[in-house]
């Protein structure tokens, strides 16, 4: 285990011990404190890899495939939704697949 991680884990245990002693097991506030502490730890000790775009929250996004783009664009149209029965309102992926393959020709 790296030294930084040992220090990080030790500081979490200190936070929990402080809250246990001072607040008589008010764990909710202890976890909030740990979240703030972990954000500080991980923002200092992470390296950036790749050049993928990032959405809010720091998670990298990847480029959608042609099929995924087609589904995203066309799934809202009523011709690709079931109109009756137990699947009413759900997306008809079979019809979407046929339309996608026709579009590629």
Protein backbone atom coordinates (compact mmCIF):
# COMPACT_ATOMS: atom_id res chain seq x y z
CA UNK A 1 0.00 0.00 0.00
CA UNK A 2 1.49 3.40 -0.97
CA UNK A 3 2.41 5.84 1.76
CA UNK A 4 -0.13 8.42 0.54
CA UNK A 5 -2.92 5.89 0.72
CA UNK A 6 -1.90 4.86 4.24
CA UNK A 7 -2.01 8.49 5.33
CA UNK A 8 -5.39 8.92 3.64
CA UNK A 9 -6.85 5.87 5.37
CA UNK A 10 -5.38 6.95 8.68
CA UNK A 11 -6.95 10.39 8.38
CA UNK A 12 -10.36 8.82 7.66
CA UNK A 13 -10.06 6.73 10.81
CA UNK A 14 -9.15 9.89 12.74
CA UNK A 15 -12.26 11.66 11.40
CA UNK A 16 -14.50 8.75 12.38
CA UNK A 17 -12.92 8.58 15.84
CA UNK A 18 -13.41 12.33 16.37
CA UNK A 19 -17.07 12.14 15.41
CA UNK A 20 -17.60 9.05 17.55
CA UNK A 21 -16.14 10.77 20.59
CA UNK A 22 -17.63 14.23 20.08
CA UNK A 23 -21.06 13.52 18.58
CA UNK A 24 -21.83 10.06 19.93
CA UNK A 25 -21.93 8.28 16.54
CA UNK A 26 -23.41 10.93 14.29
CA UNK A 27 -22.11 8.98 11.31
CA UNK A 28 -23.90 11.06 8.64
CA UNK A 29 -21.79 14.11 9.37
CA UNK A 30 -18.67 11.96 9.57
CA UNK A 31 -19.32 10.63 6.06
CA UNK A 32 -19.82 14.17 4.75
CA UNK A 33 -16.46 15.11 6.21
CA UNK A 34 -14.86 12.02 4.64
CA UNK A 35 -16.31 12.91 1.22
CA UNK A 36 -14.75 16.37 1.41
CA UNK A 37 -11.46 14.86 2.52
CA UNK A 38 -11.47 12.23 -0.24
CA UNK A 39 -12.13 14.88 -2.90
CA UNK A 40 -9.04 16.72 -1.72
CA UNK A 41 -6.99 13.52 -1.68
CA UNK A 42 -8.04 12.29 -5.10
CA UNK A 43 -7.76 15.69 -6.78
CA UNK A 44 -4.13 15.91 -5.64
CA UNK A 45 -3.12 12.33 -6.38
CA UNK A 46 -4.64 11.55 -9.75
CA UNK A 47 -3.08 11.84 -13.15
CA UNK A 48 -4.92 12.68 -16.33
CA UNK A 49 -4.81 10.12 -19.09
CA UNK A 50 -5.97 10.36 -22.65
CA UNK A 51 -7.70 13.22 -24.34
CA UNK A 52 -11.32 12.11 -23.97
CA UNK A 53 -13.83 14.85 -23.39
CA UNK A 54 -15.19 15.18 -19.89
CA UNK A 55 -18.71 15.86 -18.74
CA UNK A 56 -19.52 17.51 -15.46
CA UNK A 57 -18.33 15.36 -12.60
CA UNK A 58 -15.02 14.45 -14.22
CA UNK A 59 -16.14 11.26 -15.96
CA UNK A 60 -14.72 10.78 -19.44
CA UNK A 61 -17.13 10.26 -22.28
CA UNK A 62 -16.45 8.25 -25.37
CA UNK A 63 -17.69 8.80 -28.88
CA UNK A 64 -20.99 7.05 -29.60
CA UNK A 65 -21.06 4.41 -32.31
CA UNK A 66 -23.12 5.00 -35.45
CA UNK A 67 -25.82 2.64 -34.14
CA UNK A 68 -25.99 4.43 -30.79
CA UNK A 69 -26.25 7.80 -32.54
CA UNK A 70 -29.06 6.44 -34.74
CA UNK A 71 -30.98 5.08 -31.74
CA UNK A 72 -30.54 8.32 -29.80
CA UNK A 73 -31.79 10.39 -32.72
CA UNK A 74 -34.72 8.18 -33.82
CA UNK A 75 -36.04 6.44 -30.69
CA UNK A 76 -38.39 9.31 -29.88
CA UNK A 77 -40.37 8.96 -33.14
CA UNK A 78 -43.72 7.17 -32.83
CA UNK A 79 -43.02 4.86 -35.76
CA UNK A 80 -40.37 3.13 -33.63
CA UNK A 81 -42.57 2.68 -30.55
CA UNK A 82 -45.04 -0.05 -29.77
CA UNK A 83 -48.57 1.31 -30.12
CA UNK A 84 -50.53 -1.31 -28.17
CA UNK A 85 -50.11 -4.38 -26.00
CA UNK A 86 -47.97 -4.90 -22.95
CA UNK A 87 -44.99 -3.09 -24.54
CA UNK A 88 -47.00 0.04 -25.41
CA UNK A 89 -44.78 3.12 -25.47
CA UNK A 90 -41.52 1.12 -25.39
CA UNK A 91 -38.94 1.34 -28.17
CA UNK A 92 -39.19 -1.27 -30.94
CA UNK A 93 -35.52 -2.13 -31.41
CA UNK A 94 -36.30 -4.61 -34.18
CA UNK A 95 -37.86 -1.87 -36.31
CA UNK A 96 -34.99 0.46 -35.45
CA UNK A 97 -32.48 -2.19 -36.57
CA UNK A 98 -34.27 -2.68 -39.90
CA UNK A 99 -34.35 1.09 -40.51
CA UNK A 100 -30.67 1.40 -39.57
CA UNK A 101 -29.63 -1.34 -41.99
CA UNK A 102 -31.75 0.22 -44.78
CA UNK A 103 -30.15 3.60 -44.13
CA UNK A 104 -26.66 2.15 -44.50
CA UNK A 105 -27.33 0.91 -48.07
